[in-house]
Protein backbone atom coordinates (compact mmCIF):
# COMPACT_ATOMS: atom_id res chain seq x y z
CA UNK A 1 162.22 -156.90 62.29
CA UNK A 2 164.30 -158.15 59.37
CA UNK A 3 165.59 -154.65 58.63
CA UNK A 4 166.52 -154.08 62.27
CA UNK A 5 168.26 -157.45 62.50
CA UNK A 6 170.27 -156.81 59.34
CA UNK A 7 171.09 -153.30 60.52
CA UNK A 8 172.45 -154.53 63.84
CA UNK A 9 174.48 -157.24 62.11
CA UNK A 10 175.73 -155.04 59.25
CA UNK A 11 179.20 -154.76 60.81
CA UNK A 12 179.52 -158.53 60.28
CA UNK A 13 177.35 -159.07 57.22
CA UNK A 14 179.06 -156.61 54.87
CA UNK A 15 182.64 -157.87 55.48
CA UNK A 16 181.36 -161.44 55.22
CA UNK A 17 179.68 -160.71 51.88
CA UNK A 18 182.91 -159.12 50.67
CA UNK A 19 184.96 -162.11 51.78
CA UNK A 20 182.82 -164.72 50.06
CA UNK A 21 183.64 -163.15 46.67
CA UNK A 22 187.31 -163.99 47.25
CA UNK A 23 186.79 -167.59 48.35
CA UNK A 24 186.33 -170.78 46.38
CA UNK A 25 182.58 -170.52 46.93
CA UNK A 26 182.39 -167.64 44.46
CA UNK A 27 183.00 -170.15 41.65
CA UNK A 28 180.76 -172.92 42.95
CA UNK A 29 178.29 -174.60 40.65
CA UNK A 30 174.82 -175.69 41.71
CA UNK A 31 175.98 -179.22 42.48
CA UNK A 32 178.30 -177.90 45.19
CA UNK A 33 175.67 -175.52 46.53
CA UNK A 34 173.17 -178.29 47.25
CA UNK A 35 175.56 -180.51 49.19
CA UNK A 36 173.94 -181.59 52.46
CA UNK A 37 170.35 -181.16 51.39
CA UNK A 38 167.59 -182.51 53.63
CA UNK A 39 166.27 -185.68 52.05
CA UNK A 40 162.46 -186.09 52.13
CA UNK A 41 163.03 -189.56 53.58
CA UNK A 42 164.43 -187.86 56.67
CA UNK A 43 161.14 -186.14 57.47
CA UNK A 44 160.40 -189.05 59.74
CA UNK A 45 163.10 -187.49 61.94
CA UNK A 46 160.62 -184.78 62.89
CA UNK A 47 158.90 -187.50 64.92
CA UNK A 48 161.71 -190.02 65.43
CA UNK A 49 165.02 -188.11 65.28
CA UNK A 50 167.27 -191.16 65.57
CA UNK A 51 165.40 -193.29 63.03
CA UNK A 52 168.35 -193.09 60.59
CA UNK A 53 170.94 -192.83 63.35
CA UNK A 54 171.53 -189.37 64.75
CA UNK A 55 175.24 -189.73 65.50
CA UNK A 56 177.97 -190.48 62.96
CA UNK A 57 178.55 -194.01 64.24
CA UNK A 58 174.93 -195.09 63.64
CA UNK A 59 173.97 -193.06 60.57
CA UNK A 60 172.64 -195.03 57.63
CA UNK A 61 171.06 -193.91 54.38
CA UNK A 62 172.31 -192.82 50.97
CA UNK A 63 172.19 -189.11 51.84
CA UNK A 64 174.67 -187.05 53.89
CA UNK A 65 174.07 -186.93 57.62
CA UNK A 66 172.21 -183.74 58.51
CA UNK A 67 169.94 -182.80 61.40
CA UNK A 68 166.28 -182.75 60.46
CA UNK A 69 165.30 -180.12 63.03
CA UNK A 70 163.58 -182.16 65.72
CA UNK A 71 161.65 -179.81 68.04
CA UNK A 72 159.89 -182.39 70.20
CA UNK A 73 156.56 -184.21 70.03
CA UNK A 74 154.49 -181.89 72.21
CA UNK A 75 155.62 -178.74 70.33
CA UNK A 76 154.38 -180.27 67.06
CA UNK A 77 151.02 -181.02 68.70
CA UNK A 78 150.82 -177.51 70.16
CA UNK A 79 151.66 -176.03 66.75
CA UNK A 80 148.75 -177.96 65.28
CA UNK A 81 146.51 -176.66 68.09
CA UNK A 82 147.48 -173.09 67.22
CA UNK A 83 146.17 -173.64 63.70
CA UNK A 84 142.97 -175.43 64.73
CA UNK A 85 142.03 -173.42 67.85
CA UNK A 86 143.13 -169.85 67.06
CA UNK A 87 143.26 -169.47 63.27
CA UNK A 88 144.88 -166.04 63.54
CA UNK A 89 146.83 -164.32 60.77
CA UNK A 90 150.09 -164.50 62.72
CA UNK A 91 149.77 -168.26 63.11
CA UNK A 92 149.07 -168.72 59.41
CA UNK A 93 152.14 -166.63 58.60
CA UNK A 94 154.29 -168.78 60.90
CA UNK A 95 152.90 -171.94 59.30
CA UNK A 96 153.73 -170.53 55.87
CA UNK A 97 157.26 -169.68 57.02
CA UNK A 98 157.72 -173.22 58.35
CA UNK A 99 156.48 -174.77 55.10
CA UNK A 100 158.60 -172.49 52.89
CA UNK A 101 161.83 -173.00 54.81
CA UNK A 102 161.32 -176.75 55.01
CA UNK A 103 160.81 -176.76 51.24
CA UNK A 104 164.00 -174.76 50.77
CA UNK A 105 165.91 -177.05 53.16
CA UNK A 106 165.21 -179.90 50.73
CA UNK A 107 167.74 -178.30 48.38
CA UNK A 108 168.38 -180.59 45.43
CA UNK A 109 165.11 -182.44 46.13
CA UNK A 110 162.92 -179.38 45.44
CA UNK A 111 162.54 -177.16 42.39
CA UNK A 112 162.02 -173.88 44.32
CA UNK A 113 165.54 -174.14 45.74
CA UNK A 114 167.03 -174.15 42.25
CA UNK A 115 164.86 -171.27 41.09
CA UNK A 116 165.68 -169.12 44.11
CA UNK A 117 169.39 -169.91 43.85
CA UNK A 118 169.36 -168.66 40.27
CA UNK A 119 167.28 -165.54 41.02
CA UNK A 120 168.39 -164.35 44.47
CA UNK A 121 171.95 -162.93 44.70
CA UNK A 122 174.13 -164.65 47.29
CA UNK A 123 172.16 -167.88 47.68
CA UNK A 124 174.55 -169.64 45.29
CA UNK A 125 177.31 -169.27 47.89
CA UNK A 126 175.34 -170.83 50.75
CA UNK A 127 176.24 -174.43 51.32
CA UNK A 128 174.06 -177.04 53.05
CA UNK A 129 170.43 -176.05 52.38
CA UNK A 130 169.44 -178.28 55.31
CA UNK A 131 170.54 -175.49 57.64
CA UNK A 132 167.36 -173.60 56.75
CA UNK A 133 165.76 -176.03 59.16
CA UNK A 134 166.80 -173.53 61.86
CA UNK A 135 164.19 -171.11 60.50
CA UNK A 136 161.68 -173.95 60.31
CA UNK A 137 162.34 -174.73 63.98
CA UNK A 138 161.87 -171.07 64.92
CA UNK A 139 158.50 -170.95 63.17
CA UNK A 140 157.33 -174.21 64.75
CA UNK A 141 158.49 -173.10 68.20
CA UNK A 142 156.58 -169.83 67.84
CA UNK A 143 153.50 -171.76 66.71
CA UNK A 144 153.90 -174.09 69.69
CA UNK A 145 153.96 -171.10 72.04
CA UNK A 146 150.78 -169.82 70.41
CA UNK A 147 149.20 -173.26 70.72
CA UNK A 148 150.13 -173.54 74.42
CA UNK A 149 148.61 -170.11 75.00
CA UNK A 150 145.41 -171.24 73.29
CA UNK A 151 145.36 -174.46 75.27
CA UNK A 152 145.56 -172.71 78.64
CA UNK A 153 142.97 -169.99 77.95
CA UNK A 154 139.23 -170.12 78.30
CA UNK A 155 137.73 -171.65 75.15
CA UNK A 156 135.00 -170.30 72.98
CA UNK A 157 132.98 -172.51 70.62
CA UNK A 158 135.51 -172.36 67.78
CA UNK A 159 138.43 -173.10 70.09
CA UNK A 160 136.57 -176.05 71.61
CA UNK A 161 135.78 -177.40 68.16
CA UNK A 162 139.41 -177.03 67.09
CA UNK A 163 140.66 -178.79 70.21
CA UNK A 164 138.21 -181.67 69.79
CA UNK A 165 139.35 -182.15 66.19
CA UNK A 166 143.03 -182.29 67.25
CA UNK A 167 142.20 -184.49 70.24
CA UNK A 168 140.40 -187.13 68.19
CA UNK A 169 143.16 -187.32 65.59
CA UNK A 170 145.89 -187.44 68.22
CA UNK A 171 144.11 -190.20 70.13
CA UNK A 172 143.78 -192.34 67.00
CA UNK A 173 147.39 -191.71 66.03
CA UNK A 174 148.64 -192.66 69.49
CA UNK A 175 146.68 -195.94 69.51
CA UNK A 176 147.97 -196.80 66.03
CA UNK A 177 151.53 -196.07 67.10
CA UNK A 178 151.36 -198.37 70.11
CA UNK A 179 149.26 -200.98 68.37
CA UNK A 180 151.15 -201.19 65.04
CA UNK A 181 154.40 -199.20 64.88
CA UNK A 182 155.91 -200.38 68.17
CA UNK A 183 155.18 -204.11 67.57
CA UNK A 184 156.52 -203.85 64.00
CA UNK A 185 159.73 -202.27 65.29
CA UNK A 186 160.20 -205.17 67.74
CA UNK A 187 159.43 -207.66 64.97
CA UNK A 188 162.09 -206.06 62.75
CA UNK A 189 164.61 -206.45 65.56
CA UNK A 190 163.71 -210.11 66.06
CA UNK A 191 163.98 -210.83 62.34
CA UNK A 192 167.31 -209.03 62.29
CA UNK A 193 168.93 -211.65 64.51
CA UNK A 194 171.95 -213.05 62.73
CA UNK A 195 172.29 -210.07 60.37
CA UNK A 196 175.52 -208.09 60.05
CA UNK A 197 176.45 -206.35 63.33
CA UNK A 198 176.02 -202.90 61.76
CA UNK A 199 172.54 -203.79 60.48
CA UNK A 200 171.49 -205.17 63.86
CA UNK A 201 172.84 -202.04 65.58
CA UNK A 202 170.77 -199.84 63.24
CA UNK A 203 167.64 -201.88 63.98
CA UNK A 204 168.27 -201.58 67.71
CA UNK A 205 168.71 -197.82 67.57
CA UNK A 206 165.57 -197.48 65.45
CA UNK A 207 163.55 -199.55 67.93
CA UNK A 208 164.70 -197.40 70.83
CA UNK A 209 163.75 -194.29 68.88
CA UNK A 210 160.29 -195.60 68.02
CA UNK A 211 159.59 -196.45 71.66
CA UNK A 212 160.77 -193.00 72.75
CA UNK A 213 158.45 -191.42 70.19
CA UNK A 214 155.49 -193.52 71.31
CA UNK A 215 156.19 -192.69 74.96
CA UNK A 216 156.31 -188.92 74.48
CA UNK A 217 153.27 -189.15 72.24
CA UNK A 218 151.35 -190.88 75.02
CA UNK A 219 152.57 -188.35 77.61
CA UNK A 220 151.46 -185.50 75.34
CA UNK A 221 148.05 -187.13 74.96
CA UNK A 222 147.86 -187.44 78.76
CA UNK A 223 148.66 -183.74 79.15
CA UNK A 224 145.85 -182.81 76.76
CA UNK A 225 143.51 -185.17 78.60
CA UNK A 226 144.33 -183.39 81.84
CA UNK A 227 143.36 -180.08 80.23
CA UNK A 228 140.22 -181.54 78.65
CA UNK A 229 139.01 -183.12 81.89
CA UNK A 230 140.18 -180.32 84.22
CA UNK A 231 142.54 -182.48 86.28
CA UNK A 232 144.98 -179.66 87.04
CA UNK A 233 145.28 -175.89 87.17
CA UNK A 234 146.38 -174.02 84.09
CA UNK A 235 149.67 -172.95 85.71
CA UNK A 236 150.44 -176.55 86.56
CA UNK A 237 149.67 -177.72 83.05
CA UNK A 238 151.90 -175.00 81.60
CA UNK A 239 154.79 -176.03 83.85
CA UNK A 240 154.27 -179.70 82.98
CA UNK A 241 154.30 -178.87 79.27
CA UNK A 242 157.65 -177.06 79.60
CA UNK A 243 159.11 -179.92 81.64
CA UNK A 244 157.91 -182.53 79.13
CA UNK A 245 159.44 -180.61 76.22
CA UNK A 246 162.71 -180.20 78.10
CA UNK A 247 162.94 -183.91 78.90
CA UNK A 248 162.03 -184.84 75.31
CA UNK A 249 164.67 -182.63 73.70
CA UNK A 250 167.27 -183.42 76.34
CA UNK A 251 166.77 -187.16 76.10
CA UNK A 252 167.06 -187.25 72.33
CA UNK A 253 169.89 -184.78 71.83
CA UNK A 254 172.01 -184.41 74.95
CA UNK A 255 174.58 -187.07 74.10
CA UNK A 256 174.94 -186.71 70.32
CA UNK A 257 178.41 -186.62 68.78
CA UNK A 258 180.19 -187.21 72.06
CA UNK A 259 183.92 -187.80 71.77
CA UNK A 260 186.01 -189.92 74.06
CA UNK A 261 189.00 -187.59 73.99
CA UNK A 262 189.49 -184.05 75.20
CA UNK A 263 189.62 -182.01 71.97
CA UNK A 264 192.00 -179.49 73.59
CA UNK A 265 194.45 -182.12 74.79
CA UNK A 266 196.44 -182.01 71.57
CA UNK A 267 197.28 -178.34 72.05
CA UNK A 268 199.48 -179.16 75.05
CA UNK A 269 201.46 -181.87 73.25
CA UNK A 270 204.88 -181.43 71.61
CA UNK A 271 205.88 -178.81 74.19
CA UNK A 272 209.61 -179.05 73.45
CA UNK A 273 209.02 -178.76 69.69
CA UNK A 274 206.81 -175.69 70.19
CA UNK A 275 209.37 -174.11 72.51
CA UNK A 276 212.08 -174.61 69.88
CA UNK A 277 210.00 -172.83 67.22
CA UNK A 278 209.06 -170.01 69.56
CA UNK A 279 212.73 -169.37 70.25
CA UNK A 280 213.63 -168.88 66.57
CA UNK A 281 214.00 -165.36 65.18
CA UNK A 282 211.21 -164.30 62.88
CA UNK A 283 209.04 -163.63 61.18
CA UNK A 284 208.67 -167.04 59.57
CA UNK A 285 205.96 -169.52 58.78
CA UNK A 286 205.77 -173.22 59.46
CA UNK A 287 204.52 -175.91 57.10
CA UNK A 288 202.43 -178.66 58.69
CA UNK A 289 200.70 -179.88 55.53
CA UNK A 290 202.66 -183.12 55.70
CA UNK A 291 199.90 -185.55 56.69
CA UNK A 292 200.41 -185.05 60.43
CA UNK A 293 196.83 -184.09 61.33
CA UNK A 294 196.55 -186.97 63.79
CA UNK A 295 199.70 -185.84 65.58
CA UNK A 296 199.52 -182.06 65.24
CA UNK A 297 196.29 -180.14 65.85
CA UNK A 298 195.41 -178.08 62.75
CA UNK A 299 195.13 -174.87 64.81
CA UNK A 300 198.13 -175.56 67.03
CA UNK A 301 200.08 -172.64 65.54
CA UNK A 302 197.32 -170.18 66.40
CA UNK A 303 197.26 -171.31 70.03
CA UNK A 304 201.03 -170.96 70.49
CA UNK A 305 201.60 -167.73 68.60
CA UNK A 306 203.18 -169.33 65.52
CA UNK A 307 202.26 -168.70 61.89
CA UNK A 308 201.19 -171.67 59.79
CA UNK A 309 201.34 -171.30 56.01
CA UNK A 310 197.86 -172.85 55.87
CA UNK A 311 196.46 -170.33 58.35
CA UNK A 312 193.68 -171.80 60.47
CA UNK A 313 191.16 -174.53 59.70
CA UNK A 314 188.60 -172.53 57.74
CA UNK A 315 185.98 -173.61 55.17
CA UNK A 316 186.14 -170.12 53.62
CA UNK A 317 189.78 -170.28 52.51
CA UNK A 318 190.68 -167.51 50.08
CA UNK A 319 190.84 -168.90 46.58
CA UNK A 320 193.97 -167.07 45.34
CA UNK A 321 196.37 -168.27 48.08
CA UNK A 322 194.84 -171.75 47.89
CA UNK A 323 195.45 -171.89 44.14
CA UNK A 324 198.99 -170.60 44.62
CA UNK A 325 199.69 -173.45 47.05
CA UNK A 326 198.17 -176.10 44.80
CA UNK A 327 200.25 -174.80 41.88
CA UNK A 328 203.62 -175.00 43.64
CA UNK A 329 204.49 -178.37 42.16
CA UNK A 330 206.69 -179.40 45.07
CA UNK A 331 208.53 -178.05 48.08
CA UNK A 332 211.64 -177.78 45.91
CA UNK A 333 210.06 -174.91 43.96
CA UNK A 334 211.29 -171.31 44.50
CA UNK A 335 207.60 -170.37 44.74
CA UNK A 336 207.52 -172.40 47.97
CA UNK A 337 210.43 -170.40 49.36
CA UNK A 338 208.59 -167.15 48.64
CA UNK A 339 206.02 -168.14 51.28
CA UNK A 340 208.58 -167.44 54.04
CA UNK A 341 208.34 -171.05 55.25
CA UNK A 342 211.28 -171.37 57.59
CA UNK A 343 210.46 -174.78 59.05
CA UNK A 344 208.61 -177.96 58.07
CA UNK A 345 207.03 -180.18 60.72
CA UNK A 346 206.82 -183.80 59.62
CA UNK A 347 207.11 -187.39 60.74
CA UNK A 348 210.55 -188.79 61.35
CA UNK A 349 210.47 -190.91 58.22
CA UNK A 350 209.46 -188.08 55.86
CA UNK A 351 211.23 -187.73 52.54
CA UNK A 352 212.23 -184.16 51.59
CA UNK A 353 214.65 -182.43 49.25
CA UNK A 354 217.72 -182.88 51.45
CA UNK A 355 219.74 -180.38 49.44
CA UNK A 356 217.28 -177.77 50.62
CA UNK A 357 215.98 -178.99 54.00
CA UNK A 358 218.06 -179.80 57.06
CA UNK A 359 217.12 -181.41 60.37
CA UNK A 360 216.69 -178.65 62.94
CA UNK A 361 215.02 -180.42 65.90
CA UNK A 362 214.47 -184.09 66.74
CA UNK A 363 213.67 -183.86 70.44
CA UNK A 364 210.04 -184.90 69.97
CA UNK A 365 208.93 -188.53 70.18
CA UNK A 366 206.85 -188.43 66.97
CA UNK A 367 207.74 -185.35 64.91
CA UNK A 368 210.84 -183.61 63.62
CA UNK A 369 211.41 -180.01 62.56
CA UNK A 370 213.29 -179.40 59.32
CA UNK A 371 214.79 -176.02 58.38
CA UNK A 372 214.26 -174.59 54.91
CA UNK A 373 217.65 -173.16 54.04
CA UNK A 374 216.28 -171.24 51.04
CA UNK A 375 213.33 -169.52 52.69
CA UNK A 376 212.88 -165.92 51.58
CA UNK A 377 212.19 -163.11 54.07
CA UNK A 378 208.66 -161.96 54.78
CA UNK A 379 209.47 -158.64 53.09
CA UNK A 380 212.30 -157.74 50.71
CA UNK A 381 213.25 -155.53 47.78
CA UNK A 382 213.36 -156.58 44.13
CA UNK A 383 214.41 -154.48 41.16
CA UNK A 384 212.94 -156.49 38.31
CA UNK A 385 209.18 -156.50 37.72
CA UNK A 386 206.90 -158.09 35.15
CA UNK A 387 203.67 -156.18 34.53
CA UNK A 388 200.48 -158.23 34.23
CA UNK A 389 197.11 -156.94 33.12
CA UNK A 390 195.02 -159.52 34.95
CA UNK A 391 195.25 -162.48 37.32
CA UNK A 392 195.55 -165.17 34.64
CA UNK A 393 198.40 -163.32 32.94
CA UNK A 394 200.11 -163.03 36.31
CA UNK A 395 199.61 -166.76 36.91
CA UNK A 396 201.23 -167.61 33.58
CA UNK A 397 204.19 -165.29 34.24
CA UNK A 398 204.62 -166.74 37.72
CA UNK A 399 204.96 -170.25 36.31
CA UNK A 400 207.19 -169.32 33.38
CA UNK A 401 210.43 -171.34 33.22
CA UNK A 402 213.21 -169.73 35.20
CA UNK A 403 211.01 -167.37 37.22
CA UNK A 404 212.72 -166.57 40.54
CA UNK A 405 210.66 -164.69 43.15
CA UNK A 406 213.85 -163.74 44.96
CA UNK A 407 214.80 -161.34 42.14
CA UNK A 408 211.59 -160.77 40.16
CA UNK A 409 208.01 -159.85 41.01
CA UNK A 410 204.87 -160.06 38.88
CA UNK A 411 202.70 -157.02 39.57
CA UNK A 412 199.15 -156.34 38.46
CA UNK A 413 198.46 -152.69 37.74
CA UNK A 414 202.08 -151.69 38.22
CA UNK A 415 204.94 -150.81 35.90
CA UNK A 416 207.50 -153.20 34.50
CA UNK A 417 211.00 -152.65 35.81
CA UNK A 418 214.48 -153.70 34.79
CA UNK A 419 216.61 -152.38 37.61
CA UNK A 420 219.95 -153.18 39.13
CA UNK A 421 220.40 -154.66 42.56
CA UNK A 422 222.02 -152.07 44.77
CA UNK A 423 224.40 -152.43 47.68
CA UNK A 424 223.67 -151.88 51.35
CA UNK A 425 219.94 -152.38 50.92
CA UNK A 426 217.77 -153.61 53.77
CA UNK A 427 214.18 -154.13 54.82
CA UNK A 428 213.24 -154.43 58.47
CA UNK A 429 210.02 -154.53 60.46
CA UNK A 430 209.63 -151.67 62.94
CA UNK A 431 206.28 -153.01 64.09
CA UNK A 432 204.08 -155.94 63.03
CA UNK A 433 200.61 -156.80 64.26
CA UNK A 434 197.59 -158.68 63.00
CA UNK A 435 196.10 -155.64 61.27
CA UNK A 436 199.05 -153.31 60.74
CA UNK A 437 202.77 -153.28 60.09
CA UNK A 438 205.50 -150.70 59.66
CA UNK A 439 208.76 -151.24 57.80
CA UNK A 440 212.06 -149.42 57.38
CA UNK A 441 213.25 -149.70 53.75
CA UNK A 442 216.69 -148.72 52.49
CA UNK A 443 216.83 -148.83 48.68
CA UNK A 444 219.91 -148.07 46.59
CA UNK A 445 217.85 -147.96 43.37
CA UNK A 446 214.12 -147.88 42.52
CA UNK A 447 212.29 -151.16 42.99
CA UNK A 448 209.37 -152.87 44.65
CA UNK A 449 208.90 -153.75 48.29
CA UNK A 450 207.47 -157.27 48.05
CA UNK A 451 205.62 -158.77 51.01
CA UNK A 452 204.74 -162.42 51.40
CA UNK A 453 201.41 -161.31 52.85
CA UNK A 454 198.07 -162.15 51.25
CA UNK A 455 196.58 -159.46 49.04
CA UNK A 456 193.08 -158.56 50.16
CA UNK A 457 190.78 -155.52 49.74
CA UNK A 458 190.83 -153.11 52.63
CA UNK A 459 194.58 -152.94 53.18
CA UNK A 460 195.98 -149.41 52.88
CA UNK A 461 199.53 -148.09 52.76
CA UNK A 462 201.59 -144.95 53.11
CA UNK A 463 205.12 -144.30 51.87
CA UNK A 464 206.90 -141.69 53.99
CA UNK A 465 203.50 -140.53 55.23
CA UNK A 466 201.97 -140.16 51.75
CA UNK A 467 199.27 -142.53 50.42
CA UNK A 468 200.70 -145.39 48.36
CA UNK A 469 199.11 -148.11 46.25
CA UNK A 470 199.23 -151.72 47.32
CA UNK A 471 199.66 -153.80 44.19
CA UNK A 472 198.71 -157.43 43.78
CA UNK A 473 202.03 -159.24 43.50
CA UNK A 474 202.88 -162.79 42.47
CA UNK A 475 199.19 -163.55 41.95
CA UNK A 476 198.12 -163.54 45.61
CA UNK A 477 200.41 -161.24 47.59
CA UNK A 478 201.38 -157.56 48.04
CA UNK A 479 203.90 -155.09 46.74
CA UNK A 480 204.51 -151.36 47.19
CA UNK A 481 206.49 -149.45 44.57
CA UNK A 482 209.60 -147.66 45.86
CA UNK A 483 210.22 -145.13 43.10
CA UNK A 484 213.22 -143.38 44.64
CA UNK A 485 216.44 -144.54 46.23
CA UNK A 486 217.01 -143.75 49.88
CA UNK A 487 215.56 -144.56 53.28
CA UNK A 488 211.79 -144.86 53.46
CA UNK A 489 209.11 -145.62 56.02
CA UNK A 490 206.29 -147.86 54.77
CA UNK A 491 203.16 -148.46 56.79
CA UNK A 492 200.35 -150.87 55.97
CA UNK A 493 197.13 -151.25 57.91
CA UNK A 494 193.79 -152.97 57.46
CA UNK A 495 190.80 -150.62 57.33
CA UNK A 496 188.14 -152.10 55.03
CA UNK A 497 185.33 -149.85 53.89
CA UNK A 498 182.92 -152.80 54.23
CA UNK A 499 183.48 -152.87 57.99
CA UNK A 500 183.37 -149.10 58.40
CA UNK A 501 180.09 -148.81 56.51
CA UNK A 502 178.68 -151.85 58.33
CA UNK A 503 179.71 -150.50 61.73
CA UNK A 504 178.08 -147.16 60.93
CA UNK A 505 174.83 -148.90 59.94
CA UNK A 506 174.91 -151.02 63.10
CA UNK A 507 175.49 -147.93 65.25
CA UNK A 508 172.66 -145.99 63.59
CA UNK A 509 170.30 -148.93 64.06
CA UNK A 510 171.27 -149.26 67.71
CA UNK A 511 170.76 -145.53 68.32
CA UNK A 512 167.31 -145.71 66.70
CA UNK A 513 166.38 -148.62 68.95
CA UNK A 514 167.65 -146.84 72.07
CA UNK A 515 165.84 -143.66 71.03
CA UNK A 516 162.65 -145.60 70.50
CA UNK A 517 162.97 -147.25 73.92
CA UNK A 518 163.52 -143.86 75.58
CA UNK A 519 160.50 -142.40 73.83
CA UNK A 520 158.30 -145.30 74.89
CA UNK A 521 159.60 -145.03 78.48
CA UNK A 522 158.65 -141.34 78.52
CA UNK A 523 155.14 -142.11 77.38
CA UNK A 524 155.48 -141.92 73.61
CA UNK A 525 152.74 -143.88 71.95
CA UNK A 526 154.47 -145.03 68.80
CA UNK A 527 157.80 -145.06 66.99
CA UNK A 528 158.06 -145.75 63.29
CA UNK A 529 161.50 -146.80 62.04
């Protein structure tokens, strides 16, 4: 099953694995990996999910807010019944999977997580160990299904003994909950009178959660009593079990993290400002990293067909472009101009380099648009190149005093060049899409076509129909060497081998599954993959 699942998902998994190597996560230490671990104190959330406050406004505790994986009260009871009534190998395997993944979800609180992170490739790039609770939930849900099946079948002696054991323990636990836990929760609320409002709110939420837990525990006990005493048909009991689980999960989780505002509303704001930008000749990028997140949706540019220098809101930002941005120094730097940032969106009281930026649009009530008068084109020719053997050498050359990206490029793997700027040179886009672009280049002397486009594996190029190398330029971007003067046609397109190999694996896996289904439909007895 694991092989089939990975085969079907290979078209996504292989490019994702390739991408993670180029993000900040590739350099993470263990302390960053174990952020958002599941604290052992939160295990009470398996029974009382809102004990520590399930939403952000009520969360309390010294650990980050994570979901503990609440699956409902009756499913936990049914999972226990599967282990006491059936005792089959499959159930023991599911119980082992649940225990192992819960242990791994503890992250920094458990030694096995550290050992596995050190020994298993790729685990060091997975953030938030608590997310392994999804696998825990799957195992418990499968166990619960097995337990419900055992509950509704005819019982032999072993099954009856297993049920009686679970029944006695559940009955005692239910009486203790109503006799001790519920009164103590009310007492805590009474003693909390006069405390800080936040403390009293936490006590109130905890009391509600404890009562909910006790109620569903009692209802689960009643369902088992109905089966034990034969009060209803098996079909009825099965339907009641599903309904009880649905109400339990729905009641505890339906209204978590609700917002009071439409999250898409911000995309329709600033219509006049957006229309102004859309009317400008391109290509160009906009800069919204001016502390305007509350006024300008982070992904607004994507929605309206504009290009933001920050891209989209993405936790897997590529490390090289991110470092380039952080190393700019200020918006007055020529390295900023290389990013093809034509306009800055900022508040009306922003302070900029007014020798470089000029007001371009002030027809919005909250934001202005400022034009960068020194922005460089998205693609242009340079005739001076500095050769760098590696990324750190390129970084040092890029930040050398006097470096001007308008006339010089730092190339990794390319040749140094000391050329002369020719006359009547031009670079123009013939076509430009998300995954391909074609340019017309007129060069008077040899040089480099420099593109303010992020360098990334999988991009390919041709020069006048012949394969050409894409060089890493200015630490994080692209360049293609133009070795001869004249008019040239340059084409770049994205065709990563990771996706092609992954797609082939996914297709082969799918064909094997279809072939197996056809064979079974025709009466084949068995198919071994």
